[in-house]
Structures are given as structure tokens and as C-alpha cells.
C-alpha atoms as a PDB file:
ATOM      1  CA  MET A   1     -24.892  16.087  -2.132  1.00  0.00           C
ATOM      2  CA  ASN A   2     -22.589  19.080  -2.544  1.00  0.00           C
ATOM      3  CA  ALA A   3     -21.737  20.817  -5.802  1.00  0.00           C
ATOM      4  CA  LYS A   4     -18.194  19.407  -5.899  1.00  0.00           C
ATOM      5  CA  ARG A   5     -19.488  15.856  -5.698  1.00  0.00           C
ATOM      6  CA  LEU A   6     -22.073  16.537  -8.426  1.00  0.00           C
ATOM      7  CA  VAL A   7     -19.386  17.950 -10.729  1.00  0.00           C
ATOM      8  CA  ALA A   8     -17.299  14.815 -10.173  1.00  0.00           C
ATOM      9  CA  ILE A   9     -20.255  12.564 -10.987  1.00  0.00           C
ATOM     10  CA  LEU A  10     -21.084  14.491 -14.152  1.00  0.00           C
ATOM     11  CA  GLY A  11     -17.423  14.407 -15.155  1.00  0.00           C
ATOM     12  CA  LEU A  12     -17.291  10.617 -14.777  1.00  0.00           C
ATOM     13  CA  ASN A  13     -20.547  10.335 -16.739  1.00  0.00           C
ATOM     14  CA  ALA A  14     -19.134  12.467 -19.540  1.00  0.00           C
ATOM     15  CA  LEU A  15     -15.970  10.353 -19.586  1.00  0.00           C
ATOM     16  CA  GLY A  16     -17.957   7.119 -19.738  1.00  0.00           C
ATOM     17  CA  ILE A  17     -20.241   8.356 -22.506  1.00  0.00           C
ATOM     18  CA  ALA A  18     -17.312   9.764 -24.506  1.00  0.00           C
ATOM     19  CA  LEU A  19     -15.436   6.471 -24.126  1.00  0.00           C
ATOM     20  CA  PHE A  20     -18.386   4.469 -25.419  1.00  0.00           C
ATOM     21  CA  LEU A  21     -19.150   6.852 -28.301  1.00  0.00           C
ATOM     22  CA  SER A  22     -15.485   6.889 -29.372  1.00  0.00           C
ATOM     23  CA  TRP A  23     -15.934   3.182 -30.077  1.00  0.00           C
ATOM     24  CA  TYR A  24     -19.591   3.048 -31.117  1.00  0.00           C
ATOM     25  CA  LEU A  25     -19.866   5.974 -33.531  1.00  0.00           C
ATOM     26  CA  LEU A  26     -16.627   5.695 -35.499  1.00  0.00           C
ATOM     27  CA  PRO A  27     -16.833   3.610 -38.702  1.00  0.00           C
ATOM     28  CA  GLY A  28     -15.493   0.145 -38.006  1.00  0.00           C
ATOM     29  CA  HIS A  29     -14.909   1.289 -34.420  1.00  0.00           C
ATOM     30  CA  GLY A  30     -12.201   3.663 -35.595  1.00  0.00           C
ATOM     31  CA  PHE A  31      -8.819   3.501 -33.880  1.00  0.00           C
ATOM     32  CA  TRP A  32     -10.086   0.877 -31.443  1.00  0.00           C
ATOM     33  CA  PHE A  33     -10.312  -1.918 -34.031  1.00  0.00           C
ATOM     34  CA  PRO A  34      -6.583  -2.053 -34.901  1.00  0.00           C
ATOM     35  CA  ILE A  35      -5.828  -2.185 -31.171  1.00  0.00           C
ATOM     36  CA  ASP A  36      -8.335  -5.011 -30.675  1.00  0.00           C
ATOM     37  CA  LYS A  37      -7.064  -6.897 -33.714  1.00  0.00           C
ATOM     38  CA  SER A  38      -3.377  -6.613 -32.827  1.00  0.00           C
ATOM     39  CA  ILE A  39      -3.948  -7.768 -29.237  1.00  0.00           C
ATOM     40  CA  PHE A  40      -6.029 -10.737 -30.339  1.00  0.00           C
ATOM     41  CA  PHE A  41      -3.651 -11.947 -33.040  1.00  0.00           C
ATOM     42  CA  TRP A  42      -0.548 -11.522 -30.892  1.00  0.00           C
ATOM     43  CA  PHE A  43      -1.900 -14.060 -28.436  1.00  0.00           C
ATOM     44  CA  ASN A  44      -3.617 -16.200 -31.066  1.00  0.00           C
ATOM     45  CA  ASP A  45      -0.501 -16.519 -33.217  1.00  0.00           C
ATOM     46  CA  HIS A  46       1.656 -17.429 -30.229  1.00  0.00           C
ATOM     47  CA  MET A  47      -0.754 -20.188 -29.209  1.00  0.00           C
ATOM     48  CA  ALA A  48       0.485 -22.371 -32.043  1.00  0.00           C
ATOM     49  CA  THR A  49       4.153 -22.191 -31.029  1.00  0.00           C
ATOM     50  CA  ASN A  50       4.273 -21.469 -27.310  1.00  0.00           C
ATOM     51  CA  LYS A  51       3.072 -24.455 -25.283  1.00  0.00           C
ATOM     52  CA  PRO A  52       3.459 -22.850 -21.827  1.00  0.00           C
ATOM     53  CA  LEU A  53       1.402 -19.881 -23.021  1.00  0.00           C
ATOM     54  CA  VAL A  54      -1.392 -21.961 -24.523  1.00  0.00           C
ATOM     55  CA  TRP A  55      -1.690 -24.070 -21.380  1.00  0.00           C
ATOM     56  CA  LEU A  56      -1.678 -20.960 -19.216  1.00  0.00           C
ATOM     57  CA  ILE A  57      -4.499 -19.510 -21.326  1.00  0.00           C
ATOM     58  CA  ALA A  58      -6.437 -22.782 -21.204  1.00  0.00           C
ATOM     59  CA  ILE A  59      -6.170 -23.211 -17.440  1.00  0.00           C
ATOM     60  CA  THR A  60      -7.003 -19.579 -16.622  1.00  0.00           C
ATOM     61  CA  ASN A  61     -10.073 -19.721 -18.860  1.00  0.00           C
ATOM     62  CA  PHE A  62     -11.401 -22.986 -17.472  1.00  0.00           C
ATOM     63  CA  ARG A  63     -14.694 -22.272 -15.690  1.00  0.00           C
ATOM     64  CA  GLY A  64     -13.361 -23.637 -12.435  1.00  0.00           C
ATOM     65  CA  PHE A  65     -10.588 -21.052 -12.449  1.00  0.00           C
ATOM     66  CA  ASP A  66     -13.181 -18.359 -11.791  1.00  0.00           C
ATOM     67  CA  ALA A  67     -13.106 -19.624  -8.219  1.00  0.00           C
ATOM     68  CA  VAL A  68      -9.538 -18.301  -7.976  1.00  0.00           C
ATOM     69  CA  SER A  69     -10.699 -14.760  -8.747  1.00  0.00           C
ATOM     70  CA  LEU A  70     -13.438 -15.151  -6.129  1.00  0.00           C
ATOM     71  CA  LEU A  71     -10.805 -16.383  -3.685  1.00  0.00           C
ATOM     72  CA  ALA A  72      -8.588 -13.353  -4.387  1.00  0.00           C
ATOM     73  CA  MET A  73     -11.486 -10.974  -3.743  1.00  0.00           C
ATOM     74  CA  GLY A  74     -12.543 -12.985  -0.710  1.00  0.00           C
ATOM     75  CA  LEU A  75      -9.057 -12.828   0.810  1.00  0.00           C
ATOM     76  CA  LEU A  76      -8.963  -9.058   0.406  1.00  0.00           C
ATOM     77  CA  TYR A  77     -12.372  -8.837   2.045  1.00  0.00           C
ATOM     78  CA  LEU A  78     -11.218 -11.197   4.810  1.00  0.00           C
ATOM     79  CA  LYS A  79      -8.373  -8.841   5.637  1.00  0.00           C
ATOM     80  CA  PHE A  80     -10.894  -6.185   6.674  1.00  0.00           C
ATOM     81  CA  TRP A  81     -13.275  -8.724   8.223  1.00  0.00           C
ATOM     82  CA  LEU A  82     -10.630  -9.905  10.689  1.00  0.00           C
ATOM     83  CA  ARG A  83     -10.021  -6.355  11.880  1.00  0.00           C
ATOM     84  CA  GLU A  84     -13.674  -5.631  12.597  1.00  0.00           C
ATOM     85  CA  THR A  85     -15.846  -5.915  15.674  1.00  0.00           C
ATOM     86  CA  PRO A  86     -19.113  -7.924  15.428  1.00  0.00           C
ATOM     87  CA  PRO A  87     -21.123  -4.804  14.440  1.00  0.00           C
ATOM     88  CA  GLY A  88     -18.488  -3.965  11.826  1.00  0.00           C
ATOM     89  CA  ARG A  89     -18.601  -7.480  10.402  1.00  0.00           C
ATOM     90  CA  ARG A  90     -22.359  -7.237  10.156  1.00  0.00           C
ATOM     91  CA  ARG A  91     -21.933  -4.065   8.111  1.00  0.00           C
ATOM     92  CA  LEU A  92     -19.388  -5.815   5.898  1.00  0.00           C
ATOM     93  CA  ILE A  93     -22.030  -8.431   5.092  1.00  0.00           C
ATOM     94  CA  ALA A  94     -24.446  -5.640   4.154  1.00  0.00           C
ATOM     95  CA  ILE A  95     -21.801  -4.040   1.941  1.00  0.00           C
ATOM     96  CA  GLY A  96     -21.110  -7.399   0.276  1.00  0.00           C
ATOM     97  CA  ILE A  97     -24.795  -7.970  -0.497  1.00  0.00           C
ATOM     98  CA  THR A  98     -25.062  -4.426  -1.860  1.00  0.00           C
ATOM     99  CA  MET A  99     -22.053  -5.085  -4.089  1.00  0.00           C
ATOM    100  CA  LEU A 100     -23.579  -8.272  -5.496  1.00  0.00           C
ATOM    101  CA  LEU A 101     -26.925  -6.593  -6.185  1.00  0.00           C
ATOM    102  CA  THR A 102     -25.146  -3.674  -7.840  1.00  0.00           C
ATOM    103  CA  ALA A 103     -23.174  -6.022 -10.087  1.00  0.00           C
ATOM    104  CA  VAL A 104     -26.325  -7.874 -11.191  1.00  0.00           C
ATOM    105  CA  VAL A 105     -28.245  -4.659 -11.970  1.00  0.00           C
ATOM    106  CA  LEU A 106     -25.378  -2.949 -13.821  1.00  0.00           C
ATOM    107  CA  ASN A 107     -24.702  -6.097 -15.830  1.00  0.00           C
ATOM    108  CA  GLN A 108     -28.326  -6.215 -16.966  1.00  0.00           C
ATOM    109  CA  LEU A 109     -28.309  -2.504 -17.805  1.00  0.00           C
ATOM    110  CA  GLY A 110     -25.067  -2.918 -19.732  1.00  0.00           C
ATOM    111  CA  HIS A 111     -26.681  -5.454 -22.026  1.00  0.00           C
ATOM    112  CA  LEU A 112     -29.334  -2.883 -22.949  1.00  0.00           C
ATOM    113  CA  LEU A 113     -26.697  -0.992 -24.931  1.00  0.00           C
ATOM    114  CA  PRO A 114     -27.423  -1.088 -28.690  1.00  0.00           C
ATOM    115  CA  VAL A 115     -24.486  -3.398 -29.318  1.00  0.00           C
ATOM    116  CA  LYS A 116     -24.208  -7.103 -29.924  1.00  0.00           C
ATOM    117  CA  HIS A 117     -21.136  -8.653 -31.440  1.00  0.00           C
ATOM    118  CA  SER A 118     -19.233 -11.911 -31.351  1.00  0.00           C
ATOM    119  CA  SER A 119     -15.858 -12.492 -29.780  1.00  0.00           C
ATOM    120  CA  PRO A 120     -12.785 -12.325 -32.048  1.00  0.00           C
ATOM    121  CA  THR A 121     -12.522 -16.127 -32.186  1.00  0.00           C
ATOM    122  CA  LEU A 122     -15.899 -16.132 -33.937  1.00  0.00           C
ATOM    123  CA  TYR A 123     -15.398 -12.909 -35.911  1.00  0.00           C
ATOM    124  CA  PHE A 124     -12.171 -13.924 -37.650  1.00  0.00           C
ATOM    125  CA  GLU A 125     -11.751 -17.060 -39.733  1.00  0.00           C
ATOM    126  CA  ASN A 126      -9.084 -19.749 -39.425  1.00  0.00           C
ATOM    127  CA  VAL A 127      -7.975 -18.836 -35.926  1.00  0.00           C
ATOM    128  CA  HIS A 128      -6.694 -21.012 -33.108  1.00  0.00           C
ATOM    129  CA  ARG A 129      -9.075 -22.026 -30.317  1.00  0.00           C
ATOM    130  CA  VAL A 130      -7.382 -22.866 -27.046  1.00  0.00           C
ATOM    131  CA  SER A 131     -10.074 -25.426 -26.220  1.00  0.00           C
ATOM    132  CA  GLU A 132      -9.345 -27.291 -29.454  1.00  0.00           C
ATOM    133  CA  ILE A 133      -5.568 -27.181 -29.010  1.00  0.00           C
ATOM    134  CA  THR A 134      -5.530 -28.430 -25.419  1.00  0.00           C
ATOM    135  CA  GLY A 135      -8.810 -30.324 -25.100  1.00  0.00           C
ATOM    136  CA  ILE A 136      -9.630 -28.297 -21.981  1.00  0.00           C
ATOM    137  CA  PRO A 137     -13.206 -26.895 -22.093  1.00  0.00           C
ATOM    138  CA  ALA A 138     -11.964 -23.320 -21.727  1.00  0.00           C
ATOM    139  CA  LYS A 139     -14.096 -20.284 -22.438  1.00  0.00           C
ATOM    140  CA  ASP A 140     -12.642 -19.025 -25.697  1.00  0.00           C
ATOM    141  CA  ALA A 141     -15.699 -17.729 -27.564  1.00  0.00           C
ATOM    142  CA  SER A 142     -18.886 -15.754 -27.040  1.00  0.00           C
ATOM    143  CA  ARG A 143     -21.669 -14.736 -29.394  1.00  0.00           C
ATOM    144  CA  ASP A 144     -22.439 -11.667 -27.285  1.00  0.00           C
ATOM    145  CA  SER A 145     -19.227 -10.425 -25.709  1.00  0.00           C
ATOM    146  CA  PHE A 146     -19.981  -6.695 -25.237  1.00  0.00           C
ATOM    147  CA  PRO A 147     -19.760  -5.487 -22.545  1.00  0.00           C
ATOM    148  CA  GLY A 148     -17.546  -7.970 -20.741  1.00  0.00           C
ATOM    149  CA  ASP A 149     -19.540  -9.425 -17.819  1.00  0.00           C
ATOM    150  CA  HIS A 150     -16.538 -10.838 -15.992  1.00  0.00           C
ATOM    151  CA  GLY A 151     -14.524  -7.639 -16.333  1.00  0.00           C
ATOM    152  CA  MET A 152     -17.444  -5.526 -15.166  1.00  0.00           C
ATOM    153  CA  MET A 153     -17.868  -7.561 -11.984  1.00  0.00           C
ATOM    154  CA  LEU A 154     -14.177  -7.163 -11.192  1.00  0.00           C
ATOM    155  CA  ILE A 155     -14.213  -3.401 -11.822  1.00  0.00           C
ATOM    156  CA  ILE A 156     -17.272  -2.998  -9.585  1.00  0.00           C
ATOM    157  CA  PHE A 157     -15.437  -4.856  -6.822  1.00  0.00           C
ATOM    158  CA  ALA A 158     -12.440  -2.508  -7.133  1.00  0.00           C
ATOM    159  CA  CYS A 159     -14.720   0.542  -6.966  1.00  0.00           C
ATOM    160  CA  PHE A 160     -16.414  -0.740  -3.826  1.00  0.00           C
ATOM    161  CA  MET A 161     -12.983  -1.191  -2.275  1.00  0.00           C
ATOM    162  CA  LEU A 162     -12.285   2.502  -2.879  1.00  0.00           C
ATOM    163  CA  ARG A 163     -15.681   3.641  -1.614  1.00  0.00           C
ATOM    164  CA  TYR A 164     -15.906   1.592   1.574  1.00  0.00           C
ATOM    165  CA  PHE A 165     -12.353   0.568   2.437  1.00  0.00           C
ATOM    166  CA  SER A 166      -9.077   2.229   1.386  1.00  0.00           C
ATOM    167  CA  LYS A 167      -6.965   3.405  -1.536  1.00  0.00           C
ATOM    168  CA  GLY A 168      -4.644   0.473  -0.915  1.00  0.00           C
ATOM    169  CA  ALA A 169      -7.570  -1.936  -1.183  1.00  0.00           C
ATOM    170  CA  PHE A 170      -8.600  -0.192  -4.399  1.00  0.00           C
ATOM    171  CA  LEU A 171      -5.125  -0.628  -5.914  1.00  0.00           C
ATOM    172  CA  THR A 172      -5.216  -4.306  -4.989  1.00  0.00           C
ATOM    173  CA  GLY A 173      -8.662  -4.474  -6.566  1.00  0.00           C
ATOM    174  CA  VAL A 174      -7.292  -2.918  -9.770  1.00  0.00           C
ATOM    175  CA  LEU A 175      -4.566  -5.577  -9.825  1.00  0.00           C
ATOM    176  CA  ILE A 176      -7.261  -8.243  -9.481  1.00  0.00           C
ATOM    177  CA  VAL A 177      -9.134  -6.645 -12.407  1.00  0.00           C
ATOM    178  CA  VAL A 178      -6.065  -6.831 -14.656  1.00  0.00           C
ATOM    179  CA  VAL A 179      -4.956 -10.336 -13.637  1.00  0.00           C
ATOM    180  CA  PHE A 180      -8.363 -11.984 -13.897  1.00  0.00           C
ATOM    181  CA  SER A 181      -9.840 -10.138 -16.893  1.00  0.00           C
ATOM    182  CA  LEU A 182      -6.741 -10.570 -19.075  1.00  0.00           C
ATOM    183  CA  PRO A 183      -7.210 -14.341 -19.614  1.00  0.00           C
ATOM    184  CA  ARG A 184     -10.523 -13.766 -21.433  1.00  0.00           C
ATOM    185  CA  VAL A 185      -8.775 -11.371 -23.816  1.00  0.00           C
ATOM    186  CA  MET A 186      -5.812 -13.722 -24.275  1.00  0.00           C
ATOM    187  CA  ALA A 187      -8.147 -16.572 -25.232  1.00  0.00           C
ATOM    188  CA  GLY A 188     -10.179 -14.431 -27.614  1.00  0.00           C
ATOM    189  CA  ALA A 189     -13.388 -14.851 -25.629  1.00  0.00           C
ATOM    190  CA  HIS A 190     -13.492 -11.061 -25.415  1.00  0.00           C
ATOM    191  CA  TRP A 191     -12.120  -8.168 -27.381  1.00  0.00           C
ATOM    192  CA  PHE A 192      -9.936  -5.788 -25.384  1.00  0.00           C
ATOM    193  CA  THR A 193     -12.619  -3.116 -25.857  1.00  0.00           C
ATOM    194  CA  ASP A 194     -15.334  -5.354 -24.404  1.00  0.00           C
ATOM    195  CA  ILE A 195     -13.718  -4.529 -21.071  1.00  0.00           C
ATOM    196  CA  ALA A 196     -11.762  -1.306 -21.618  1.00  0.00           C
ATOM    197  CA  VAL A 197     -14.716   0.388 -23.335  1.00  0.00           C
ATOM    198  CA  GLY A 198     -17.849  -1.657 -22.629  1.00  0.00           C
ATOM    199  CA  SER A 199     -17.415  -2.641 -18.989  1.00  0.00           C
ATOM    200  CA  LEU A 200     -15.614   0.540 -17.977  1.00  0.00           C
ATOM    201  CA  SER A 201     -18.088   2.943 -19.615  1.00  0.00           C
ATOM    202  CA  VAL A 202     -21.066   1.264 -17.914  1.00  0.00           C
ATOM    203  CA  VAL A 203     -19.313   1.436 -14.540  1.00  0.00           C
ATOM    204  CA  LEU A 204     -18.261   5.069 -14.976  1.00  0.00           C
ATOM    205  CA  VAL A 205     -21.836   6.139 -15.676  1.00  0.00           C
ATOM    206  CA  GLY A 206     -23.855   3.837 -13.443  1.00  0.00           C
ATOM    207  CA  LEU A 207     -21.608   3.363 -10.445  1.00  0.00           C
ATOM    208  CA  SER A 208     -20.802   7.061 -10.030  1.00  0.00           C
ATOM    209  CA  TRP A 209     -24.462   7.830  -9.275  1.00  0.00           C
ATOM    210  CA  TRP A 210     -24.651   4.837  -6.951  1.00  0.00           C
ATOM    211  CA  LEU A 211     -21.445   5.195  -4.920  1.00  0.00           C
ATOM    212  CA  MET A 212     -20.936   8.958  -4.931  1.00  0.00           C
ATOM    213  CA  THR A 213     -24.435   9.745  -3.671  1.00  0.00           C
ATOM    214  CA  PRO A 214     -26.142   8.483  -0.483  1.00  0.00           C
ATOM    215  CA  ALA A 215     -27.884   5.771  -2.538  1.00  0.00           C
ATOM    216  CA  SER A 216     -25.540   2.864  -1.776  1.00  0.00           C
ATOM    217  CA  ASP A 217     -25.280   3.863   1.894  1.00  0.00           C
ATOM    218  CA  MET A 218     -29.056   3.815   2.166  1.00  0.00           C
ATOM    219  CA  LEU A 219     -29.169   0.222   0.934  1.00  0.00           C
ATOM    220  CA  VAL A 220     -26.239  -0.828   3.139  1.00  0.00           C
ATOM    221  CA  ASN A 221     -27.886   0.718   6.219  1.00  0.00           C
ATOM    222  CA  TRP A 222     -31.245  -0.863   5.415  1.00  0.00           C
ATOM    223  CA  LEU A 223     -29.682  -4.297   4.980  1.00  0.00           C
ATOM    224  CA  ASN A 224     -27.733  -3.807   8.190  1.00  0.00           C
ATOM    225  CA  ARG A 225     -31.006  -3.224  10.030  1.00  0.00           C
ATOM    226  CA  ILE A 226     -32.942  -6.169   8.605  1.00  0.00           C
ATOM    227  CA  LEU A 227     -30.253  -8.886   8.579  1.00  0.00           C
ATOM    228  CA  PRO A 228     -31.112 -11.650  11.050  1.00  0.00           C
ATOM    229  CA  GLY A 229     -29.121 -12.163  14.220  1.00  0.00           C
ATOM    230  CA  LYS A 230     -28.437  -8.527  14.946  1.00  0.00           C
ATOM    231  CA  TYR A 231     -25.525  -8.066  17.307  1.00  0.00           C
ATOM    232  CA  LYS A 232     -26.359  -6.628  20.720  1.00  0.00           C
ATOM    233  CA  PRO A 233     -23.572  -5.352  22.967  1.00  0.00           C
ATOM    234  CA  ALA A 234     -23.337  -7.119  26.331  1.00  0.00           C
ATOM    235  CA  GLY A 235     -25.251  -5.349  29.113  1.00  0.00           C
END
């Protein structure tokens, strides 16, 4: 690993730590709390009067809707899969497994942070719950919402797109992050900072060491070697 790469990793680590501490150390979470509160109540207040909005929030927070985010990521992955040769597709499988393992490990590490708080729907009193308004069993509350699991998985996917594919794939991944993490915030199942601070800070620190060093490549190459049904060129 060259010095330039190390400086970049340390810079991302410093950014992630500073982001987390700017929320964690300030009394009442400092300037972040008014942002969180205003975002939550804008959507929560409009639930009572805007039927299209409340149904949109309910549907996009129904557990089954998570399959749509998986489909969006799968279609982006399929785009590269269709362009590859059999050896390349085998490597894509190894990259996909590495991505899933990374997401599981980082999620577990993220929950070791000295933070545990409830979602805004449980923190504030006399608020609207989309599941109660519509009768749809939507995810609109969490007793431990920091960091945002769903948002973290999406951010990790976007980062893998940048590392192993292209800048265009990364930008599409970022769009997927915004589109599919926003519903949780709209419903009040997560604070804005659960994702913008919690998920992002964990990814900035943990994923930089994983993707910007040979570590992830080592796992991808190892998986590529041990996966069953190894492709052998004809002749």
C-alpha cells in the first residue's frame, strides 16, 4: 500500500470519526437534533392530511418492499454480469459473497458503538404512526435505530460498485441509497442521523481499510479459487 493510499484511508477515518463525534459529544446532539426533529415532523405532520403521501410511506416501508431494493441492486449487478465471460461471472459471484460478508460484519461492529436510542416515533409523544393510519404492517418504529442497518447495507453496496465496477455504477448505487433509505426516515423508523451519521461514519472508517487495501481482494481471490464448478477454458 503506497503512502497516497494510506493518507486517503486516514483522511476517511478522520472524517468518519469527526462525523460521529459531532453528533455523539454535543449536548442533546447539538445542531443535529433540530435537523432530525424538523425532518421527522415535516413528514409526520403531513401524514394526517396527505393521503397519497401516507400510502406511499406505508407501501415503501412494508417488509415486502425491501425486495424492490434488492431487485434494484440485482439489476445493476446483472448489467455487469451479462457483459462478462464465464471466468468473469465467477469472480462476480466472489465479489457478491464478499460484499454480503462485509455488510454482516460492519453491521455487527456498528452496533458496538456506545449508542442506543429509539426511533422518533417512540421518542416523541402523540405522533402519527403510518401503520395505524393505513392498517399496513409497515416498519415505522425501532427501539434501537442507531446506526441504520438498512442504510448501511445500501451504502456498502454503493462503495463496492465504486471499488470493483465504475463511477457510473457508484452514482447509480448512491441513487439507490437515497431512494431506498428515505422511506425509513419518512416513516419515523429512523432518525435522519441514524443513516447520515451512524451508517455513514461506520462505513467511512471500516470500509476504507477493507476496500482501499488488498484485504477485500484477498478474500475475493480466495473465494474465486474455492467456489465449486470452476470454469476451465476449452482445450
